[in-house]
Amino acid sequence: MASAVPGQLPPADRGALRIADRVVAKIAAQAAGEVLADAPGADLVPSDARPHASVSVRKDTARLRLALELGYPADIGAVCHTVRRHVTGKVEALTGMDVPEVAVEVERLHSAAARRKEEGRVE
């Protein structure tokens, strides 16, 4: 097969772009943080409680696992669904990978009642 431009290889022979797993994980964590900043109870979650992501990439497919902390009360299922949808869209748009799976693990819930109780303690 001849290349379209003299001296230039055809696209199939030029190589491939490989995006490091840690880059995909960072994109996913950032996208989750975007959603959580506007989620109900976001003001209850400490600022250092950022989402963490791990990823498994095989060819052009990324499977993600996210660990989050959420404010409570909130519709946890709805928040997780919104996070999944946003993360999937963002990772697919920025990397060109398929994202068939985004597992969300809620590590901790932060409630207003617990915060009031902590603030009222005298130690």
N, C-alpha and C. Protein backbone atom coordinates (compact mmCIF):
# COMPACT_ATOMS: atom_id res chain seq x y z
N MET A 1 0.86 -1.17 0.00
CA MET A 1 0.00 0.00 0.00
C MET A 1 0.90 1.23 0.00
N ALA A 2 0.68 2.13 -0.91
CA ALA A 2 1.47 3.35 -1.01
C ALA A 2 0.91 4.41 -0.09
N SER A 3 1.78 5.21 0.47
CA SER A 3 1.32 6.29 1.35
C SER A 3 0.84 7.46 0.50
N ALA A 4 -0.05 8.27 1.08
CA ALA A 4 -0.63 9.41 0.38
C ALA A 4 0.40 10.50 0.14
N VAL A 5 1.32 10.68 1.05
CA VAL A 5 2.36 11.70 0.94
C VAL A 5 3.69 10.99 0.74
N PRO A 6 4.45 11.37 -0.29
CA PRO A 6 5.74 10.70 -0.50
C PRO A 6 6.62 10.80 0.75
N GLY A 7 7.21 9.68 1.11
CA GLY A 7 8.10 9.65 2.26
C GLY A 7 7.38 9.45 3.60
N GLN A 8 6.06 9.42 3.60
CA GLN A 8 5.29 9.25 4.84
C GLN A 8 4.69 7.85 4.86
N LEU A 9 4.79 7.19 5.99
CA LEU A 9 4.23 5.86 6.15
C LEU A 9 2.71 5.92 6.22
N PRO A 10 2.05 4.85 5.78
CA PRO A 10 0.58 4.80 5.95
C PRO A 10 0.25 4.76 7.44
N PRO A 11 -0.94 5.22 7.83
CA PRO A 11 -1.31 5.28 9.26
C PRO A 11 -1.11 3.97 10.00
N ALA A 12 -1.43 2.85 9.39
CA ALA A 12 -1.32 1.56 10.08
C ALA A 12 0.13 1.21 10.41
N ASP A 13 1.08 1.78 9.66
CA ASP A 13 2.48 1.46 9.87
C ASP A 13 3.22 2.47 10.74
N ARG A 14 2.56 3.52 11.19
CA ARG A 14 3.21 4.58 11.95
C ARG A 14 3.36 4.29 13.43
N GLY A 15 2.64 3.33 13.94
CA GLY A 15 2.70 3.05 15.37
C GLY A 15 1.38 3.38 16.03
N ALA A 16 1.39 3.38 17.33
CA ALA A 16 0.16 3.63 18.08
C ALA A 16 0.45 4.51 19.28
N LEU A 17 -0.56 5.20 19.72
CA LEU A 17 -0.46 6.02 20.91
C LEU A 17 -0.87 5.17 22.10
N ARG A 18 -0.04 5.15 23.12
CA ARG A 18 -0.37 4.41 24.33
C ARG A 18 -0.47 5.41 25.47
N ILE A 19 -1.62 5.43 26.10
CA ILE A 19 -1.84 6.31 27.24
C ILE A 19 -1.59 5.51 28.51
N ALA A 20 -0.72 6.01 29.35
CA ALA A 20 -0.35 5.30 30.58
C ALA A 20 -1.57 5.12 31.49
N ASP A 21 -1.61 3.99 32.17
CA ASP A 21 -2.71 3.70 33.09
C ASP A 21 -2.89 4.80 34.13
N ARG A 22 -1.79 5.33 34.65
CA ARG A 22 -1.89 6.37 35.68
C ARG A 22 -2.52 7.64 35.14
N VAL A 23 -2.35 7.90 33.83
CA VAL A 23 -2.97 9.08 33.23
C VAL A 23 -4.48 8.87 33.14
N VAL A 24 -4.89 7.68 32.74
CA VAL A 24 -6.32 7.36 32.67
C VAL A 24 -6.94 7.45 34.06
N ALA A 25 -6.23 6.94 35.06
CA ALA A 25 -6.73 7.00 36.45
C ALA A 25 -6.86 8.44 36.92
N LYS A 26 -5.91 9.27 36.56
CA LYS A 26 -5.96 10.68 36.97
C LYS A 26 -7.14 11.40 36.29
N ILE A 27 -7.38 11.12 35.03
CA ILE A 27 -8.54 11.69 34.33
C ILE A 27 -9.83 11.28 35.02
N ALA A 28 -9.93 9.99 35.37
CA ALA A 28 -11.13 9.47 36.02
C ALA A 28 -11.35 10.12 37.39
N ALA A 29 -10.30 10.24 38.18
CA ALA A 29 -10.43 10.85 39.51
C ALA A 29 -10.83 12.31 39.40
N GLN A 30 -10.24 13.02 38.45
CA GLN A 30 -10.59 14.42 38.25
C GLN A 30 -12.05 14.56 37.83
N ALA A 31 -12.50 13.70 36.92
CA ALA A 31 -13.89 13.75 36.47
C ALA A 31 -14.85 13.45 37.62
N ALA A 32 -14.51 12.49 38.47
CA ALA A 32 -15.36 12.18 39.62
C ALA A 32 -15.42 13.38 40.56
N GLY A 33 -14.29 14.03 40.77
CA GLY A 33 -14.26 15.21 41.63
C GLY A 33 -15.13 16.34 41.11
N GLU A 34 -15.22 16.48 39.78
CA GLU A 34 -16.08 17.50 39.18
C GLU A 34 -17.54 17.29 39.57
N VAL A 35 -17.97 16.04 39.56
CA VAL A 35 -19.35 15.72 39.92
C VAL A 35 -19.57 15.92 41.41
N LEU A 36 -18.64 15.43 42.21
CA LEU A 36 -18.81 15.47 43.66
C LEU A 36 -18.79 16.88 44.23
N ALA A 37 -18.15 17.81 43.53
CA ALA A 37 -18.12 19.20 44.00
C ALA A 37 -19.52 19.80 44.04
N ASP A 38 -20.41 19.31 43.18
CA ASP A 38 -21.77 19.84 43.11
C ASP A 38 -22.80 18.88 43.71
N ALA A 39 -22.35 17.77 44.28
CA ALA A 39 -23.27 16.77 44.82
C ALA A 39 -23.87 17.25 46.14
N PRO A 40 -25.07 16.76 46.48
CA PRO A 40 -25.66 17.10 47.78
C PRO A 40 -24.72 16.67 48.91
N GLY A 41 -24.53 17.54 49.88
CA GLY A 41 -23.68 17.23 51.02
C GLY A 41 -22.20 17.42 50.76
N ALA A 42 -21.85 18.02 49.62
CA ALA A 42 -20.43 18.21 49.29
C ALA A 42 -19.72 19.05 50.35
N ASP A 43 -20.44 19.94 50.99
CA ASP A 43 -19.84 20.79 52.01
C ASP A 43 -19.47 20.02 53.28
N LEU A 44 -19.99 18.81 53.43
CA LEU A 44 -19.69 17.99 54.61
C LEU A 44 -18.41 17.17 54.44
N VAL A 45 -17.97 17.00 53.20
CA VAL A 45 -16.80 16.17 52.91
C VAL A 45 -15.54 17.02 53.04
N PRO A 46 -14.55 16.56 53.81
CA PRO A 46 -13.31 17.33 53.95
C PRO A 46 -12.65 17.57 52.59
N SER A 47 -12.00 18.69 52.45
CA SER A 47 -11.39 19.05 51.16
C SER A 47 -10.26 18.10 50.76
N ASP A 48 -9.65 17.42 51.71
CA ASP A 48 -8.58 16.49 51.36
C ASP A 48 -9.08 15.09 51.00
N ALA A 49 -10.40 14.90 51.03
CA ALA A 49 -10.99 13.59 50.69
C ALA A 49 -11.31 13.57 49.20
N ARG A 50 -10.29 13.44 48.39
CA ARG A 50 -10.46 13.43 46.94
C ARG A 50 -10.73 12.02 46.44
N PRO A 51 -11.45 11.89 45.34
CA PRO A 51 -11.67 10.55 44.77
C PRO A 51 -10.34 9.92 44.33
N HIS A 52 -10.26 8.61 44.47
CA HIS A 52 -9.10 7.86 44.01
C HIS A 52 -9.57 6.89 42.95
N ALA A 53 -8.76 6.70 41.91
CA ALA A 53 -9.13 5.80 40.83
C ALA A 53 -8.00 4.82 40.56
N SER A 54 -8.40 3.60 40.21
CA SER A 54 -7.45 2.62 39.69
C SER A 54 -8.04 2.14 38.38
N VAL A 55 -7.17 1.70 37.50
CA VAL A 55 -7.61 1.36 36.15
C VAL A 55 -6.90 0.11 35.66
N SER A 56 -7.61 -0.63 34.84
CA SER A 56 -7.05 -1.77 34.14
C SER A 56 -7.30 -1.51 32.65
N VAL A 57 -6.22 -1.37 31.88
CA VAL A 57 -6.35 -1.08 30.46
C VAL A 57 -5.88 -2.29 29.66
N ARG A 58 -6.71 -2.69 28.73
CA ARG A 58 -6.36 -3.76 27.79
C ARG A 58 -6.75 -3.29 26.41
N LYS A 59 -5.77 -3.13 25.56
CA LYS A 59 -5.94 -2.58 24.21
C LYS A 59 -6.60 -1.22 24.31
N ASP A 60 -7.78 -1.05 23.75
CA ASP A 60 -8.48 0.24 23.78
C ASP A 60 -9.65 0.23 24.75
N THR A 61 -9.56 -0.57 25.80
CA THR A 61 -10.63 -0.67 26.78
C THR A 61 -10.08 -0.42 28.19
N ALA A 62 -10.77 0.45 28.92
CA ALA A 62 -10.36 0.76 30.29
C ALA A 62 -11.48 0.37 31.24
N ARG A 63 -11.13 -0.37 32.27
CA ARG A 63 -12.06 -0.70 33.34
C ARG A 63 -11.59 0.08 34.57
N LEU A 64 -12.53 0.81 35.18
CA LEU A 64 -12.17 1.72 36.26
C LEU A 64 -12.77 1.32 37.59
N ARG A 65 -12.07 1.66 38.64
CA ARG A 65 -12.56 1.50 40.01
C ARG A 65 -12.32 2.83 40.73
N LEU A 66 -13.39 3.39 41.29
CA LEU A 66 -13.31 4.68 41.98
C LEU A 66 -13.62 4.50 43.45
N ALA A 67 -12.91 5.18 44.30
CA ALA A 67 -13.18 5.20 45.74
C ALA A 67 -13.53 6.63 46.11
N LEU A 68 -14.71 6.81 46.73
CA LEU A 68 -15.24 8.14 47.03
C LEU A 68 -15.63 8.28 48.48
N GLU A 69 -15.71 9.53 48.91
CA GLU A 69 -16.33 9.87 50.19
C GLU A 69 -17.47 10.82 49.86
N LEU A 70 -18.64 10.59 50.47
CA LEU A 70 -19.84 11.37 50.15
C LEU A 70 -20.42 12.02 51.39
N GLY A 71 -21.12 13.12 51.16
CA GLY A 71 -21.90 13.75 52.22
C GLY A 71 -23.21 12.99 52.38
N TYR A 72 -23.73 12.98 53.61
CA TYR A 72 -24.98 12.27 53.88
C TYR A 72 -25.86 13.14 54.75
N PRO A 73 -27.13 13.28 54.51
CA PRO A 73 -27.94 12.44 53.64
C PRO A 73 -27.84 12.88 52.18
N ALA A 74 -27.91 11.90 51.31
CA ALA A 74 -27.92 12.10 49.87
C ALA A 74 -28.45 10.82 49.25
N ASP A 75 -28.90 10.91 48.03
CA ASP A 75 -29.31 9.72 47.29
C ASP A 75 -28.03 9.10 46.74
N ILE A 76 -27.48 8.17 47.49
CA ILE A 76 -26.17 7.59 47.17
C ILE A 76 -26.19 6.93 45.80
N GLY A 77 -27.24 6.21 45.49
CA GLY A 77 -27.35 5.56 44.19
C GLY A 77 -27.33 6.55 43.04
N ALA A 78 -28.06 7.65 43.20
CA ALA A 78 -28.11 8.66 42.14
C ALA A 78 -26.75 9.35 41.98
N VAL A 79 -26.10 9.65 43.09
CA VAL A 79 -24.77 10.29 43.01
C VAL A 79 -23.79 9.35 42.31
N CYS A 80 -23.79 8.08 42.68
CA CYS A 80 -22.88 7.10 42.06
C CYS A 80 -23.18 6.96 40.57
N HIS A 81 -24.46 6.95 40.20
CA HIS A 81 -24.85 6.85 38.79
C HIS A 81 -24.33 8.07 38.01
N THR A 82 -24.48 9.25 38.58
CA THR A 82 -24.01 10.47 37.93
C THR A 82 -22.49 10.45 37.78
N VAL A 83 -21.79 9.99 38.82
CA VAL A 83 -20.33 9.87 38.76
C VAL A 83 -19.94 8.90 37.65
N ARG A 84 -20.57 7.72 37.62
CA ARG A 84 -20.26 6.73 36.59
C ARG A 84 -20.43 7.31 35.19
N ARG A 85 -21.57 7.94 34.96
CA ARG A 85 -21.88 8.47 33.62
C ARG A 85 -20.88 9.55 33.22
N HIS A 86 -20.58 10.47 34.14
CA HIS A 86 -19.65 11.57 33.83
C HIS A 86 -18.23 11.05 33.59
N VAL A 87 -17.78 10.15 34.45
CA VAL A 87 -16.43 9.60 34.32
C VAL A 87 -16.30 8.82 33.01
N THR A 88 -17.30 8.01 32.70
CA THR A 88 -17.27 7.25 31.45
C THR A 88 -17.15 8.19 30.25
N GLY A 89 -17.99 9.21 30.21
CA GLY A 89 -17.96 10.15 29.10
C GLY A 89 -16.65 10.90 28.98
N LYS A 90 -16.12 11.35 30.11
CA LYS A 90 -14.88 12.13 30.11
C LYS A 90 -13.69 11.28 29.68
N VAL A 91 -13.58 10.06 30.23
CA VAL A 91 -12.45 9.19 29.87
C VAL A 91 -12.54 8.79 28.40
N GLU A 92 -13.73 8.45 27.94
CA GLU A 92 -13.89 8.08 26.52
C GLU A 92 -13.54 9.26 25.61
N ALA A 93 -13.99 10.46 25.96
CA ALA A 93 -13.73 11.64 25.13
C ALA A 93 -12.25 12.01 25.09
N LEU A 94 -11.57 11.93 26.23
CA LEU A 94 -10.18 12.38 26.29
C LEU A 94 -9.16 11.33 25.85
N THR A 95 -9.52 10.04 25.95
CA THR A 95 -8.55 8.99 25.62
C THR A 95 -8.91 8.21 24.36
N GLY A 96 -10.17 8.24 23.97
CA GLY A 96 -10.60 7.43 22.84
C GLY A 96 -10.81 5.97 23.20
N MET A 97 -10.74 5.65 24.48
CA MET A 97 -10.92 4.26 24.93
C MET A 97 -12.39 3.97 25.20
N ASP A 98 -12.77 2.72 25.11
CA ASP A 98 -14.08 2.29 25.56
C ASP A 98 -14.00 2.09 27.07
N VAL A 99 -15.07 2.46 27.77
CA VAL A 99 -15.12 2.28 29.22
C VAL A 99 -16.40 1.51 29.55
N PRO A 100 -16.33 0.17 29.51
CA PRO A 100 -17.53 -0.61 29.77
C PRO A 100 -17.88 -0.77 31.24
N GLU A 101 -16.92 -0.46 32.13
CA GLU A 101 -17.16 -0.70 33.55
C GLU A 101 -16.53 0.40 34.41
N VAL A 102 -17.34 0.97 35.28
CA VAL A 102 -16.85 1.91 36.29
C VAL A 102 -17.45 1.45 37.62
N ALA A 103 -16.63 0.83 38.45
CA ALA A 103 -17.07 0.38 39.76
C ALA A 103 -16.84 1.51 40.76
N VAL A 104 -17.88 1.83 41.52
CA VAL A 104 -17.78 2.92 42.49
C VAL A 104 -17.89 2.33 43.89
N GLU A 105 -16.92 2.66 44.73
CA GLU A 105 -16.91 2.22 46.12
C GLU A 105 -17.00 3.46 47.00
N VAL A 106 -18.02 3.49 47.85
CA VAL A 106 -18.16 4.60 48.79
C VAL A 106 -17.41 4.18 50.06
N GLU A 107 -16.30 4.85 50.31
CA GLU A 107 -15.45 4.49 51.45
C GLU A 107 -15.96 5.06 52.76
N ARG A 108 -16.56 6.25 52.70
CA ARG A 108 -17.00 6.89 53.94
C ARG A 108 -18.12 7.86 53.63
N LEU A 109 -19.06 7.95 54.57
CA LEU A 109 -20.13 8.95 54.51
C LEU A 109 -19.87 9.98 55.60
N HIS A 110 -20.04 11.24 55.26
CA HIS A 110 -19.86 12.33 56.22
C HIS A 110 -21.23 12.97 56.45
N SER A 111 -21.70 12.95 57.69
CA SER A 111 -23.02 13.50 57.97
C SER A 111 -22.92 14.76 58.82
N ALA A 112 -23.94 15.59 58.70
CA ALA A 112 -24.00 16.81 59.50
C ALA A 112 -24.11 16.46 60.98
N ALA A 113 -24.85 15.41 61.30
CA ALA A 113 -25.02 15.01 62.70
C ALA A 113 -23.68 14.60 63.31
N ALA A 114 -22.89 13.85 62.58
CA ALA A 114 -21.58 13.44 63.10
C ALA A 114 -20.66 14.63 63.27
N ARG A 115 -20.75 15.57 62.34
CA ARG A 115 -19.91 16.78 62.44
C ARG A 115 -20.28 17.59 63.67
N ARG A 116 -21.59 17.74 63.92
CA ARG A 116 -22.02 18.49 65.10
C ARG A 116 -21.55 17.80 66.38
N LYS A 117 -21.63 16.48 66.38
CA LYS A 117 -21.21 15.73 67.56
C LYS A 117 -19.70 15.92 67.80
N GLU A 118 -18.91 15.88 66.70
CA GLU A 118 -17.46 16.07 66.83
C GLU A 118 -17.14 17.48 67.32
N GLU A 119 -17.86 18.46 66.81
CA GLU A 119 -17.59 19.85 67.20
C GLU A 119 -17.99 20.12 68.64
N GLY A 120 -18.94 19.36 69.17
CA GLY A 120 -19.42 19.58 70.52
C GLY A 120 -18.60 18.90 71.59
N ARG A 121 -17.67 18.05 71.19
CA ARG A 121 -16.84 17.35 72.17
C ARG A 121 -15.86 18.29 72.85
N VAL A 122 -15.66 18.03 74.11
CA VAL A 122 -14.62 18.74 74.85
C VAL A 122 -13.60 17.69 75.27
N GLU A 123 -12.37 17.90 74.81
CA GLU A 123 -11.34 16.90 75.13
C GLU A 123 -10.23 17.50 75.94
